[in-house]
Amino acid sequence: MQISSRLTFRLAAVAAIAGMALTGCTTASQEAAPGSTVNTGSAAAFDPSTVAKDDALIALLPATLKDKATIEVGSDTSYEPAEFLDKDGQTPIGYDVDLAKAIAATLGKKAVVHTADFSSILPKLGTVYDLGMSSFTINPERSKAVNFVSYFNAGVLWAVQKGNPKGINMNDLCGKKIGVQTGTVEEDPDVSDRSKACVAAGKPAIQVVSLKNQTEVTTRLVGGTIDAMSADSPIIKNALAKTNGQLETLGEVYDSAEQGIAIAKADTEFAGVIEKVMNKLMTDGSYTKILEKWNNTDGAIAKAVLNPTAKS
C-alpha cells in the first residue's frame, strides 16, 4: 500500500513540478569568454561526530527509514556556499551539506549527498532521495507537490560587472541578457514577469540566459557575455567574494523568503521528524555553528516549521 500511494503521488508531483518550468527564452549554449573563471574554495570539513545521536527522535522514524544506514539527499552542487563541489570536483560541501550531515547524525545515520540538476530533485523525492536540500525557496507551487521544513531565510539579489560598465538599471532591463539558474524563483516568476512587463510596454523582452549551474552563470557575468545575474542573496554575496572584485551588487536584497528542506508529500511522518531534528540543532547550537563556518548567519531563522505558509 505504501508503494502504491507513493507511485500515485509521484505521477501527480511530476505533473505539478513540470508546470514550474520556464517558458521563456533560453540561451544555455552560449560560450563563456576565454579566461573568465570563478575561483572556488573549500572550508574545513564538518565532523558529524560532534552531533549527538537522539534515540527519542530515531524512535519516531517511519519503519521504512528506521533501519536504513543512510539518508539520501538530492542537491544541485553548483550553488556556493550553500552546496557546491570541493576542489577535487567530487566532494559536496557547503552549509546545506553540513546541515544534512548534522540531521543524519542526529538520527544515527550517514548523509549521502548526491549531485543532481536542480529541477530534477523534487520529482525524485520518496523514490531516489529522502531529502532535497538545495536552497529551495518555499513557494505555493512547490508546496503543493512536497513537504517543506523551513530552515533558512534568503532574498533575491542582482550583480553586474564591477563599475557597472554597461549601465544596467533595475528599472530598465528590457532587451538585456540576464543570467539565472534553471528552475529558480529568480528565473520564474521574477525575471519572467519582468520580461512580460517589457513586452506589454512595447519594449524588447529580456534575453533570459537560463543555465543548469549557478557557477556557470557567474562565470558568464565575469566574462561579460551576459549583462547581469540574479540569484539568492547568499550566493550573490559569495560570488562577489570569490571573483576577486570583478563583480558588484545591483540594487538591494528584496523578496526575502524562507527556504526549506524538501520531503516527499506522502512522507508526512518523516517530515515531522525532520522538523523536530532541525529545532534540536537550532537549540543545541549546531545550526548556528554551521552557518557561522560559512559566513551566513544573516540567513538564520529562530524556529523550523513544517509546511509554513508560502509567500506567493
C-alpha atoms as a PDB file:
ATOM      1  CA  MET A   1       0.000   0.000   0.000  1.00  0.00           C
ATOM      2  CA  GLN A   2       2.878   2.371   0.782  1.00  0.00           C
ATOM      3  CA  ILE A   3       4.429   1.757  -2.626  1.00  0.00           C
ATOM      4  CA  SER A   4       1.112   2.248  -4.397  1.00  0.00           C
ATOM      5  CA  SER A   5       0.368   5.564  -2.693  1.00  0.00           C
ATOM      6  CA  ARG A   6       3.878   6.783  -3.365  1.00  0.00           C
ATOM      7  CA  LEU A   7       3.637   5.965  -7.059  1.00  0.00           C
ATOM      8  CA  THR A   8       0.346   7.816  -7.258  1.00  0.00           C
ATOM      9  CA  PHE A   9       1.985  10.817  -5.614  1.00  0.00           C
ATOM     10  CA  ARG A  10       4.938  10.650  -7.970  1.00  0.00           C
ATOM     11  CA  LEU A  11       2.747  10.942 -11.050  1.00  0.00           C
ATOM     12  CA  ALA A  12       0.911  13.917  -9.587  1.00  0.00           C
ATOM     13  CA  ALA A  13       4.108  15.580  -8.379  1.00  0.00           C
ATOM     14  CA  VAL A  14       5.889  15.229 -11.708  1.00  0.00           C
ATOM     15  CA  ALA A  15       2.981  16.940 -13.415  1.00  0.00           C
ATOM     16  CA  ALA A  16       2.868  19.705 -10.807  1.00  0.00           C
ATOM     17  CA  ILE A  17       6.591  20.362 -10.851  1.00  0.00           C
ATOM     18  CA  ALA A  18       6.747  20.289 -14.633  1.00  0.00           C
ATOM     19  CA  GLY A  19       4.440  23.294 -14.551  1.00  0.00           C
ATOM     20  CA  MET A  20       7.129  25.292 -12.765  1.00  0.00           C
ATOM     21  CA  ALA A  21       9.488  25.231 -15.753  1.00  0.00           C
ATOM     22  CA  LEU A  22      10.421  28.472 -17.504  1.00  0.00           C
ATOM     23  CA  THR A  23       8.627  29.086 -20.779  1.00  0.00           C
ATOM     24  CA  GLY A  24      10.828  31.976 -21.878  1.00  0.00           C
ATOM     25  CA  CYS A  25      13.991  32.203 -23.944  1.00  0.00           C
ATOM     26  CA  THR A  26      16.960  30.004 -23.033  1.00  0.00           C
ATOM     27  CA  THR A  27      20.486  30.513 -24.347  1.00  0.00           C
ATOM     28  CA  ALA A  28      22.352  27.848 -22.419  1.00  0.00           C
ATOM     29  CA  SER A  29      24.563  27.016 -25.398  1.00  0.00           C
ATOM     30  CA  GLN A  30      26.377  30.356 -25.339  1.00  0.00           C
ATOM     31  CA  GLU A  31      30.050  30.070 -24.540  1.00  0.00           C
ATOM     32  CA  ALA A  32      31.808  31.911 -21.745  1.00  0.00           C
ATOM     33  CA  ALA A  33      34.515  34.364 -22.649  1.00  0.00           C
ATOM     34  CA  PRO A  34      38.031  32.863 -22.742  1.00  0.00           C
ATOM     35  CA  GLY A  35      39.806  33.090 -19.419  1.00  0.00           C
ATOM     36  CA  SER A  36      36.692  34.050 -17.451  1.00  0.00           C
ATOM     37  CA  THR A  37      36.726  31.857 -14.364  1.00  0.00           C
ATOM     38  CA  VAL A  38      35.292  31.842 -10.895  1.00  0.00           C
ATOM     39  CA  ASN A  39      37.535  30.856  -8.010  1.00  0.00           C
ATOM     40  CA  THR A  40      36.007  28.380  -5.596  1.00  0.00           C
ATOM     41  CA  GLY A  41      37.424  27.325  -2.281  1.00  0.00           C
ATOM     42  CA  SER A  42      36.696  24.893   0.473  1.00  0.00           C
ATOM     43  CA  ALA A  43      36.238  25.185   4.196  1.00  0.00           C
ATOM     44  CA  ALA A  44      37.316  22.822   6.942  1.00  0.00           C
ATOM     45  CA  ALA A  45      35.379  19.567   6.774  1.00  0.00           C
ATOM     46  CA  PHE A  46      32.393  19.303   9.082  1.00  0.00           C
ATOM     47  CA  ASP A  47      32.634  16.473  11.601  1.00  0.00           C
ATOM     48  CA  PRO A  48      29.219  14.799  12.064  1.00  0.00           C
ATOM     49  CA  SER A  49      30.523  13.045  15.193  1.00  0.00           C
ATOM     50  CA  THR A  50      30.217  16.375  17.019  1.00  0.00           C
ATOM     51  CA  VAL A  51      26.413  15.985  16.781  1.00  0.00           C
ATOM     52  CA  ALA A  52      24.851  13.677  19.354  1.00  0.00           C
ATOM     53  CA  LYS A  53      22.533  10.867  18.290  1.00  0.00           C
ATOM     54  CA  ASP A  54      18.998  11.269  19.636  1.00  0.00           C
ATOM     55  CA  ASP A  55      17.325   7.930  20.368  1.00  0.00           C
ATOM     56  CA  ALA A  56      13.952   9.546  21.040  1.00  0.00           C
ATOM     57  CA  LEU A  57      13.896  11.093  17.569  1.00  0.00           C
ATOM     58  CA  ILE A  58      15.159   7.874  15.982  1.00  0.00           C
ATOM     59  CA  ALA A  59      12.196   6.087  17.548  1.00  0.00           C
ATOM     60  CA  LEU A  60       9.845   8.429  15.671  1.00  0.00           C
ATOM     61  CA  LEU A  61      11.188   7.477  12.240  1.00  0.00           C
ATOM     62  CA  PRO A  62       8.848   5.557   9.945  1.00  0.00           C
ATOM     63  CA  ALA A  63       9.628   1.841   9.662  1.00  0.00           C
ATOM     64  CA  THR A  64      10.906   2.219   6.092  1.00  0.00           C
ATOM     65  CA  LEU A  65      13.664   4.570   7.253  1.00  0.00           C
ATOM     66  CA  LYS A  66      14.401   3.379  10.783  1.00  0.00           C
ATOM     67  CA  ASP A  67      16.751   0.575   9.736  1.00  0.00           C
ATOM     68  CA  LYS A  68      18.439   2.418   6.874  1.00  0.00           C
ATOM     69  CA  ALA A  69      22.105   3.283   7.443  1.00  0.00           C
ATOM     70  CA  THR A  70      21.975   6.353   5.221  1.00  0.00           C
ATOM     71  CA  ILE A  71      19.819   9.313   4.325  1.00  0.00           C
ATOM     72  CA  GLU A  72      19.941  10.025   0.592  1.00  0.00           C
ATOM     73  CA  VAL A  73      19.998  13.734  -0.196  1.00  0.00           C
ATOM     74  CA  GLY A  74      19.499  15.364  -3.592  1.00  0.00           C
ATOM     75  CA  SER A  75      21.386  18.640  -4.091  1.00  0.00           C
ATOM     76  CA  ASP A  76      22.436  20.835  -7.002  1.00  0.00           C
ATOM     77  CA  THR A  77      26.071  21.243  -6.015  1.00  0.00           C
ATOM     78  CA  SER A  78      26.719  24.391  -8.040  1.00  0.00           C
ATOM     79  CA  TYR A  79      25.247  26.924  -5.602  1.00  0.00           C
ATOM     80  CA  GLU A  80      28.182  28.099  -3.490  1.00  0.00           C
ATOM     81  CA  PRO A  81      28.244  28.497  -0.494  1.00  0.00           C
ATOM     82  CA  ALA A  82      25.040  26.528   0.143  1.00  0.00           C
ATOM     83  CA  GLU A  83      26.036  23.452  -1.821  1.00  0.00           C
ATOM     84  CA  PHE A  84      28.961  23.033  -4.205  1.00  0.00           C
ATOM     85  CA  LEU A  85      31.857  20.726  -5.014  1.00  0.00           C
ATOM     86  CA  ASP A  86      35.198  20.916  -3.249  1.00  0.00           C
ATOM     87  CA  LYS A  87      38.433  21.485  -5.159  1.00  0.00           C
ATOM     88  CA  ASP A  88      38.551  17.786  -6.053  1.00  0.00           C
ATOM     89  CA  GLY A  89      35.442  18.318  -8.175  1.00  0.00           C
ATOM     90  CA  GLN A  90      33.674  15.416  -6.482  1.00  0.00           C
ATOM     91  CA  THR A  91      33.054  16.079  -2.789  1.00  0.00           C
ATOM     92  CA  PRO A  92      29.884  18.066  -1.926  1.00  0.00           C
ATOM     93  CA  ILE A  93      30.444  20.820   0.648  1.00  0.00           C
ATOM     94  CA  GLY A  94      28.571  23.904   1.866  1.00  0.00           C
ATOM     95  CA  TYR A  95      26.182  24.819   4.661  1.00  0.00           C
ATOM     96  CA  ASP A  96      23.324  22.720   3.244  1.00  0.00           C
ATOM     97  CA  VAL A  97      25.665  19.735   3.046  1.00  0.00           C
ATOM     98  CA  ASP A  98      26.810  20.235   6.643  1.00  0.00           C
ATOM     99  CA  LEU A  99      23.214  20.574   7.817  1.00  0.00           C
ATOM    100  CA  ALA A 100      22.353  17.337   6.007  1.00  0.00           C
ATOM    101  CA  LYS A 101      25.214  15.605   7.826  1.00  0.00           C
ATOM    102  CA  ALA A 102      24.021  17.003  11.161  1.00  0.00           C
ATOM    103  CA  ILE A 103      20.449  15.828  10.509  1.00  0.00           C
ATOM    104  CA  ALA A 104      21.669  12.343   9.623  1.00  0.00           C
ATOM    105  CA  ALA A 105      23.973  12.164  12.659  1.00  0.00           C
ATOM    106  CA  THR A 106      21.094  13.119  14.968  1.00  0.00           C
ATOM    107  CA  LEU A 107      19.181  10.168  13.542  1.00  0.00           C
ATOM    108  CA  GLY A 108      22.135   7.792  13.884  1.00  0.00           C
ATOM    109  CA  LYS A 109      22.786   7.703  10.153  1.00  0.00           C
ATOM    110  CA  LYS A 110      25.145   8.986   7.472  1.00  0.00           C
ATOM    111  CA  ALA A 111      24.101  11.577   4.891  1.00  0.00           C
ATOM    112  CA  VAL A 112      24.913  10.698   1.288  1.00  0.00           C
ATOM    113  CA  VAL A 113      24.657  13.870  -0.794  1.00  0.00           C
ATOM    114  CA  HIS A 114      24.066  13.255  -4.491  1.00  0.00           C
ATOM    115  CA  THR A 115      24.807  15.891  -7.124  1.00  0.00           C
ATOM    116  CA  ALA A 116      21.678  16.475  -9.223  1.00  0.00           C
ATOM    117  CA  ASP A 117      20.150  19.006 -11.591  1.00  0.00           C
ATOM    118  CA  PHE A 118      18.101  21.451  -9.527  1.00  0.00           C
ATOM    119  CA  SER A 119      14.868  20.848 -11.420  1.00  0.00           C
ATOM    120  CA  SER A 120      15.155  17.057 -11.092  1.00  0.00           C
ATOM    121  CA  ILE A 121      15.338  16.861  -7.280  1.00  0.00           C
ATOM    122  CA  LEU A 122      11.731  17.396  -6.204  1.00  0.00           C
ATOM    123  CA  PRO A 123      10.267  14.835  -8.638  1.00  0.00           C
ATOM    124  CA  LYS A 124      12.622  12.170  -7.239  1.00  0.00           C
ATOM    125  CA  LEU A 125      11.767  12.625  -3.567  1.00  0.00           C
ATOM    126  CA  GLY A 126      10.466   9.449  -1.982  1.00  0.00           C
ATOM    127  CA  THR A 127      11.968   7.224  -4.645  1.00  0.00           C
ATOM    128  CA  VAL A 128      15.596   8.263  -5.205  1.00  0.00           C
ATOM    129  CA  TYR A 129      16.103  10.846  -2.452  1.00  0.00           C
ATOM    130  CA  ASP A 130      14.880  11.000   1.146  1.00  0.00           C
ATOM    131  CA  LEU A 131      15.544  14.747   1.371  1.00  0.00           C
ATOM    132  CA  GLY A 132      16.019  17.601  -1.050  1.00  0.00           C
ATOM    133  CA  MET A 133      18.472  20.198   0.272  1.00  0.00           C
ATOM    134  CA  SER A 134      19.272  22.711  -2.422  1.00  0.00           C
ATOM    135  CA  SER A 135      18.237  26.213  -1.297  1.00  0.00           C
ATOM    136  CA  PHE A 136      14.589  25.629  -2.246  1.00  0.00           C
ATOM    137  CA  THR A 137      12.538  28.785  -1.737  1.00  0.00           C
ATOM    138  CA  ILE A 138       9.206  27.775  -0.208  1.00  0.00           C
ATOM    139  CA  ASN A 139       6.549  28.942  -2.642  1.00  0.00           C
ATOM    140  CA  PRO A 140       2.918  27.895  -3.271  1.00  0.00           C
ATOM    141  CA  GLU A 141       3.674  25.829  -6.388  1.00  0.00           C
ATOM    142  CA  ARG A 142       6.369  23.721  -4.738  1.00  0.00           C
ATOM    143  CA  SER A 143       4.380  23.421  -1.509  1.00  0.00           C
ATOM    144  CA  LYS A 144       1.578  21.703  -3.408  1.00  0.00           C
ATOM    145  CA  ALA A 145       3.989  18.975  -4.531  1.00  0.00           C
ATOM    146  CA  VAL A 146       6.212  18.351  -1.480  1.00  0.00           C
ATOM    147  CA  ASN A 147       6.506  18.882   2.270  1.00  0.00           C
ATOM    148  CA  PHE A 148       8.876  21.611   3.424  1.00  0.00           C
ATOM    149  CA  VAL A 149      10.648  22.203   6.722  1.00  0.00           C
ATOM    150  CA  SER A 150      11.846  25.808   6.918  1.00  0.00           C
ATOM    151  CA  TYR A 151      15.478  26.325   7.940  1.00  0.00           C
ATOM    152  CA  PHE A 152      16.925  29.451   6.296  1.00  0.00           C
ATOM    153  CA  ASN A 153      15.923  32.871   5.003  1.00  0.00           C
ATOM    154  CA  ALA A 154      17.207  34.476   1.808  1.00  0.00           C
ATOM    155  CA  GLY A 155      16.176  37.180  -0.619  1.00  0.00           C
ATOM    156  CA  VAL A 156      16.811  37.992  -4.263  1.00  0.00           C
ATOM    157  CA  LEU A 157      19.902  40.000  -5.180  1.00  0.00           C
ATOM    158  CA  TRP A 158      21.433  41.048  -8.500  1.00  0.00           C
ATOM    159  CA  ALA A 159      25.028  41.514  -9.643  1.00  0.00           C
ATOM    160  CA  VAL A 160      26.814  43.197 -12.542  1.00  0.00           C
ATOM    161  CA  GLN A 161      30.435  43.629 -13.559  1.00  0.00           C
ATOM    162  CA  LYS A 162      32.469  45.923 -11.310  1.00  0.00           C
ATOM    163  CA  GLY A 163      31.724  49.562 -12.028  1.00  0.00           C
ATOM    164  CA  ASN A 164      28.591  48.571 -13.968  1.00  0.00           C
ATOM    165  CA  PRO A 165      30.261  49.352 -17.320  1.00  0.00           C
ATOM    166  CA  LYS A 166      27.084  48.557 -19.291  1.00  0.00           C
ATOM    167  CA  GLY A 167      24.992  50.916 -17.170  1.00  0.00           C
ATOM    168  CA  ILE A 168      22.454  48.267 -16.180  1.00  0.00           C
ATOM    169  CA  ASN A 169      19.413  49.714 -14.413  1.00  0.00           C
ATOM    170  CA  MET A 170      16.990  47.544 -12.418  1.00  0.00           C
ATOM    171  CA  ASN A 171      14.127  49.694 -13.719  1.00  0.00           C
ATOM    172  CA  ASP A 172      15.046  49.142 -17.374  1.00  0.00           C
ATOM    173  CA  LEU A 173      16.119  45.554 -18.053  1.00  0.00           C
ATOM    174  CA  CYS A 174      14.221  45.182 -21.325  1.00  0.00           C
ATOM    175  CA  GLY A 175      16.371  43.644 -24.045  1.00  0.00           C
ATOM    176  CA  LYS A 176      19.220  42.872 -21.623  1.00  0.00           C
ATOM    177  CA  LYS A 177      20.867  39.476 -21.227  1.00  0.00           C
ATOM    178  CA  ILE A 178      20.094  38.264 -17.702  1.00  0.00           C
ATOM    179  CA  GLY A 179      21.604  35.098 -16.255  1.00  0.00           C
ATOM    180  CA  VAL A 180      19.687  32.824 -13.871  1.00  0.00           C
ATOM    181  CA  GLN A 181      19.891  29.227 -12.749  1.00  0.00           C
ATOM    182  CA  THR A 182      17.251  26.994 -14.324  1.00  0.00           C
ATOM    183  CA  GLY A 183      14.278  26.240 -12.100  1.00  0.00           C
ATOM    184  CA  THR A 184      14.854  29.009  -9.534  1.00  0.00           C
ATOM    185  CA  VAL A 185      12.352  31.649  -8.421  1.00  0.00           C
ATOM    186  CA  GLU A 186      14.705  34.220  -9.915  1.00  0.00           C
ATOM    187  CA  GLU A 187      14.029  32.652 -13.311  1.00  0.00           C
ATOM    188  CA  ASP A 188      10.299  32.296 -12.804  1.00  0.00           C
ATOM    189  CA  PRO A 189       8.399  34.264 -11.668  1.00  0.00           C
ATOM    190  CA  ASP A 190      10.794  37.207 -11.129  1.00  0.00           C
ATOM    191  CA  VAL A 191      12.700  37.643 -14.403  1.00  0.00           C
ATOM    192  CA  SER A 192       9.857  36.027 -16.338  1.00  0.00           C
ATOM    193  CA  ASP A 193       7.366  38.595 -15.023  1.00  0.00           C
ATOM    194  CA  ARG A 194       9.782  41.455 -15.675  1.00  0.00           C
ATOM    195  CA  SER A 195      10.129  40.280 -19.271  1.00  0.00           C
ATOM    196  CA  LYS A 196       6.352  40.076 -19.727  1.00  0.00           C
ATOM    197  CA  ALA A 197       6.079  43.659 -18.468  1.00  0.00           C
ATOM    198  CA  CYS A 198       8.634  44.744 -21.073  1.00  0.00           C
ATOM    199  CA  VAL A 199       6.619  43.165 -23.875  1.00  0.00           C
ATOM    200  CA  ALA A 200       3.373  44.647 -22.556  1.00  0.00           C
ATOM    201  CA  ALA A 201       5.009  48.087 -22.671  1.00  0.00           C
ATOM    202  CA  GLY A 202       6.071  47.566 -26.291  1.00  0.00           C
ATOM    203  CA  LYS A 203       9.714  47.025 -25.397  1.00  0.00           C
ATOM    204  CA  PRO A 204      12.049  44.086 -26.187  1.00  0.00           C
ATOM    205  CA  ALA A 205      11.730  41.026 -23.957  1.00  0.00           C
ATOM    206  CA  ILE A 206      14.544  40.243 -21.547  1.00  0.00           C
ATOM    207  CA  GLN A 207      17.023  37.805 -23.078  1.00  0.00           C
ATOM    208  CA  VAL A 208      16.971  35.109 -20.395  1.00  0.00           C
ATOM    209  CA  VAL A 209      20.166  33.052 -20.157  1.00  0.00           C
ATOM    210  CA  SER A 210      18.976  30.031 -18.189  1.00  0.00           C
ATOM    211  CA  LEU A 211      21.752  27.657 -17.137  1.00  0.00           C
ATOM    212  CA  LYS A 212      21.752  24.492 -15.053  1.00  0.00           C
ATOM    213  CA  ASN A 213      24.729  25.547 -12.911  1.00  0.00           C
ATOM    214  CA  GLN A 214      24.949  28.808 -10.960  1.00  0.00           C
ATOM    215  CA  THR A 215      28.747  28.753 -11.230  1.00  0.00           C
ATOM    216  CA  GLU A 216      28.411  28.941 -14.998  1.00  0.00           C
ATOM    217  CA  VAL A 217      26.053  31.913 -14.688  1.00  0.00           C
ATOM    218  CA  THR A 218      28.630  33.690 -12.531  1.00  0.00           C
ATOM    219  CA  THR A 219      31.416  32.852 -14.995  1.00  0.00           C
ATOM    220  CA  ARG A 220      29.373  34.306 -17.869  1.00  0.00           C
ATOM    221  CA  LEU A 221      28.929  37.557 -15.974  1.00  0.00           C
ATOM    222  CA  VAL A 222      32.630  37.814 -15.158  1.00  0.00           C
ATOM    223  CA  GLY A 223      33.382  37.223 -18.850  1.00  0.00           C
ATOM    224  CA  GLY A 224      30.868  39.825 -19.981  1.00  0.00           C
ATOM    225  CA  THR A 225      28.686  37.539 -22.132  1.00  0.00           C
ATOM    226  CA  ILE A 226      25.643  38.424 -20.009  1.00  0.00           C
ATOM    227  CA  ASP A 227      24.707  41.837 -18.641  1.00  0.00           C
ATOM    228  CA  ALA A 228      23.597  40.903 -15.114  1.00  0.00           C
ATOM    229  CA  MET A 229      22.627  37.917 -12.990  1.00  0.00           C
ATOM    230  CA  SER A 230      20.016  37.285 -10.328  1.00  0.00           C
ATOM    231  CA  ALA A 231      20.280  34.693  -7.526  1.00  0.00           C
ATOM    232  CA  ASP A 232      19.639  34.175  -3.824  1.00  0.00           C
ATOM    233  CA  SER A 233      21.383  36.786  -1.691  1.00  0.00           C
ATOM    234  CA  PRO A 234      23.936  34.403  -0.049  1.00  0.00           C
ATOM    235  CA  ILE A 235      25.011  33.163  -3.474  1.00  0.00           C
ATOM    236  CA  ILE A 236      25.495  36.677  -4.880  1.00  0.00           C
ATOM    237  CA  LYS A 237      27.480  37.791  -1.816  1.00  0.00           C
ATOM    238  CA  ASN A 238      29.670  34.708  -2.085  1.00  0.00           C
ATOM    239  CA  ALA A 239      30.184  35.289  -5.821  1.00  0.00           C
ATOM    240  CA  LEU A 240      31.425  38.800  -5.103  1.00  0.00           C
ATOM    241  CA  ALA A 241      33.935  37.448  -2.583  1.00  0.00           C
ATOM    242  CA  LYS A 242      35.171  34.688  -4.906  1.00  0.00           C
ATOM    243  CA  THR A 243      35.632  36.711  -8.116  1.00  0.00           C
ATOM    244  CA  ASN A 244      38.410  38.983  -6.872  1.00  0.00           C
ATOM    245  CA  GLY A 245      36.472  42.244  -7.091  1.00  0.00           C
ATOM    246  CA  GLN A 246      35.240  41.670 -10.638  1.00  0.00           C
ATOM    247  CA  LEU A 247      31.559  41.969  -9.674  1.00  0.00           C
ATOM    248  CA  GLU A 248      29.341  44.258  -7.611  1.00  0.00           C
ATOM    249  CA  THR A 249      25.736  44.192  -6.448  1.00  0.00           C
ATOM    250  CA  LEU A 250      22.955  45.934  -8.339  1.00  0.00           C
ATOM    251  CA  GLY A 251      20.238  47.313  -6.073  1.00  0.00           C
ATOM    252  CA  GLU A 252      19.282  45.844  -2.700  1.00  0.00           C
ATOM    253  CA  VAL A 253      18.006  42.490  -1.429  1.00  0.00           C
ATOM    254  CA  TYR A 254      14.251  42.081  -1.949  1.00  0.00           C
ATOM    255  CA  ASP A 255      11.522  39.437  -1.662  1.00  0.00           C
ATOM    256  CA  SER A 256      13.124  37.728   1.323  1.00  0.00           C
ATOM    257  CA  ALA A 257      11.536  34.328   1.890  1.00  0.00           C
ATOM    258  CA  GLU A 258      12.169  31.146   3.805  1.00  0.00           C
ATOM    259  CA  GLN A 259      13.924  28.206   2.232  1.00  0.00           C
ATOM    260  CA  GLY A 260      13.029  24.651   3.068  1.00  0.00           C
ATOM    261  CA  ILE A 261      14.236  21.082   3.304  1.00  0.00           C
ATOM    262  CA  ALA A 262      12.028  19.126   0.909  1.00  0.00           C
ATOM    263  CA  ILE A 263      10.412  15.763   1.718  1.00  0.00           C
ATOM    264  CA  ALA A 264       8.017  13.714  -0.422  1.00  0.00           C
ATOM    265  CA  LYS A 265       4.370  14.708   0.080  1.00  0.00           C
ATOM    266  CA  ALA A 266       3.468  11.151   1.068  1.00  0.00           C
ATOM    267  CA  ASP A 267       6.170  11.057   3.766  1.00  0.00           C
ATOM    268  CA  THR A 268       4.418  13.281   6.323  1.00  0.00           C
ATOM    269  CA  GLU A 269       5.679  11.210   9.263  1.00  0.00           C
ATOM    270  CA  PHE A 270       9.289  11.633   8.172  1.00  0.00           C
ATOM    271  CA  ALA A 271       8.718  15.347   7.524  1.00  0.00           C
ATOM    272  CA  GLY A 272       7.567  15.741  11.130  1.00  0.00           C
ATOM    273  CA  VAL A 273      10.755  14.088  12.360  1.00  0.00           C
ATOM    274  CA  ILE A 274      12.908  16.425  10.249  1.00  0.00           C
ATOM    275  CA  GLU A 275      11.103  19.428  11.764  1.00  0.00           C
ATOM    276  CA  LYS A 276      11.968  18.151  15.254  1.00  0.00           C
ATOM    277  CA  VAL A 277      15.584  17.421  14.281  1.00  0.00           C
ATOM    278  CA  MET A 278      16.105  20.903  12.864  1.00  0.00           C
ATOM    279  CA  ASN A 279      14.715  22.540  16.003  1.00  0.00           C
ATOM    280  CA  LYS A 280      17.023  20.384  18.129  1.00  0.00           C
ATOM    281  CA  LEU A 281      20.020  21.513  16.040  1.00  0.00           C
ATOM    282  CA  MET A 282      18.908  25.121  16.468  1.00  0.00           C
ATOM    283  CA  THR A 283      18.560  24.711  20.227  1.00  0.00           C
ATOM    284  CA  ASP A 284      21.869  22.921  20.847  1.00  0.00           C
ATOM    285  CA  GLY A 285      23.880  25.404  18.752  1.00  0.00           C
ATOM    286  CA  SER A 286      24.926  23.074  15.921  1.00  0.00           C
ATOM    287  CA  TYR A 287      22.841  25.044  13.416  1.00  0.00           C
ATOM    288  CA  THR A 288      24.474  28.351  14.309  1.00  0.00           C
ATOM    289  CA  LYS A 289      27.984  26.868  14.232  1.00  0.00           C
ATOM    290  CA  ILE A 290      27.433  25.567  10.718  1.00  0.00           C
ATOM    291  CA  LEU A 291      26.140  28.896   9.421  1.00  0.00           C
ATOM    292  CA  GLU A 292      28.999  30.740  11.149  1.00  0.00           C
ATOM    293  CA  LYS A 293      31.501  28.494   9.407  1.00  0.00           C
ATOM    294  CA  TRP A 294      30.075  29.529   6.031  1.00  0.00           C
ATOM    295  CA  ASN A 295      29.619  33.226   6.972  1.00  0.00           C
ATOM    296  CA  ASN A 296      25.847  33.042   6.561  1.00  0.00           C
ATOM    297  CA  THR A 297      24.340  33.708   9.982  1.00  0.00           C
ATOM    298  CA  ASP A 298      22.324  36.543   8.408  1.00  0.00           C
ATOM    299  CA  GLY A 299      20.026  33.877   6.992  1.00  0.00           C
ATOM    300  CA  ALA A 300      19.406  32.091  10.308  1.00  0.00           C
ATOM    301  CA  ILE A 301      15.814  31.628  11.494  1.00  0.00           C
ATOM    302  CA  ALA A 302      14.652  31.106  15.085  1.00  0.00           C
ATOM    303  CA  LYS A 303      12.412  28.066  14.555  1.00  0.00           C
ATOM    304  CA  ALA A 304      11.961  25.373  11.915  1.00  0.00           C
ATOM    305  CA  VAL A 305       8.342  24.896  10.844  1.00  0.00           C
ATOM    306  CA  LEU A 306       6.743  22.084   8.872  1.00  0.00           C
ATOM    307  CA  ASN A 307       4.874  23.451   5.845  1.00  0.00           C
ATOM    308  CA  PRO A 308       4.865  27.143   6.752  1.00  0.00           C
ATOM    309  CA  THR A 309       2.595  29.459   4.773  1.00  0.00           C
ATOM    310  CA  ALA A 310       4.316  30.006   1.461  1.00  0.00           C
ATOM    311  CA  LYS A 311       4.766  33.513   0.087  1.00  0.00           C
ATOM    312  CA  SER A 312       3.179  33.928  -3.328  1.00  0.00           C
END
